[in-house]
């Protein structure tokens, strides 16, 4: 009972932590890099 509860809590914490890390990492970095890297370069190159 104690072992199962401990495993359950640890699993939930790890999943929650990984979910937060994945959301912040993938959700923030990917759109930022995709929007900030190609758009200014291409827009500057095309307009100039």
Protein backbone atom coordinates (compact mmCIF):
# COMPACT_ATOMS: atom_id res chain seq x y z
CA UNK A 1 0.00 0.00 0.00
CA UNK A 2 2.76 2.43 0.96
CA UNK A 3 4.87 1.28 -1.97
CA UNK A 4 2.00 1.74 -4.44
CA UNK A 5 1.14 5.19 -3.08
CA UNK A 6 4.77 6.28 -3.23
CA UNK A 7 5.12 4.99 -6.82
CA UNK A 8 1.88 6.72 -7.81
CA UNK A 9 2.93 10.07 -6.32
CA UNK A 10 6.40 9.89 -7.87
CA UNK A 11 4.95 8.97 -11.27
CA UNK A 12 2.45 11.82 -11.16
CA UNK A 13 5.14 14.30 -10.11
CA UNK A 14 7.50 13.14 -12.87
CA UNK A 15 4.75 13.23 -15.50
CA UNK A 16 3.63 16.68 -14.34
CA UNK A 17 7.21 17.98 -14.36
CA UNK A 18 7.93 16.51 -17.81
CA UNK A 19 4.65 17.93 -19.09
CA UNK A 20 5.54 21.41 -17.81
CA UNK A 21 9.06 21.20 -19.25
CA UNK A 22 7.75 19.95 -22.61
CA UNK A 23 5.02 22.59 -22.75
CA UNK A 24 7.31 25.48 -21.84
CA UNK A 25 10.16 24.20 -24.00
CA UNK A 26 8.24 23.11 -27.08
CA UNK A 27 5.43 25.66 -26.90
CA UNK A 28 7.54 28.76 -26.27
CA UNK A 29 10.80 28.04 -28.08
CA UNK A 30 9.38 26.54 -31.27
CA UNK A 31 6.99 29.38 -32.20
CA UNK A 32 9.47 32.04 -31.08
CA UNK A 33 12.32 30.61 -33.13
CA UNK A 34 10.07 29.94 -36.09
CA UNK A 35 8.69 33.46 -36.02
CA UNK A 36 11.86 35.34 -35.06
CA UNK A 37 14.35 33.40 -37.19
CA UNK A 38 12.81 33.19 -40.71
CA UNK A 39 10.45 36.19 -40.78
CA UNK A 40 12.90 39.07 -40.08
CA UNK A 41 15.60 37.50 -42.27
CA UNK A 42 13.32 36.84 -45.22
CA UNK A 43 11.38 40.07 -44.88
CA UNK A 44 14.59 42.10 -44.63
CA UNK A 45 16.13 40.27 -47.59
CA UNK A 46 13.05 40.61 -49.77
CA UNK A 47 12.35 44.25 -48.93
CA UNK A 48 15.99 45.26 -49.21
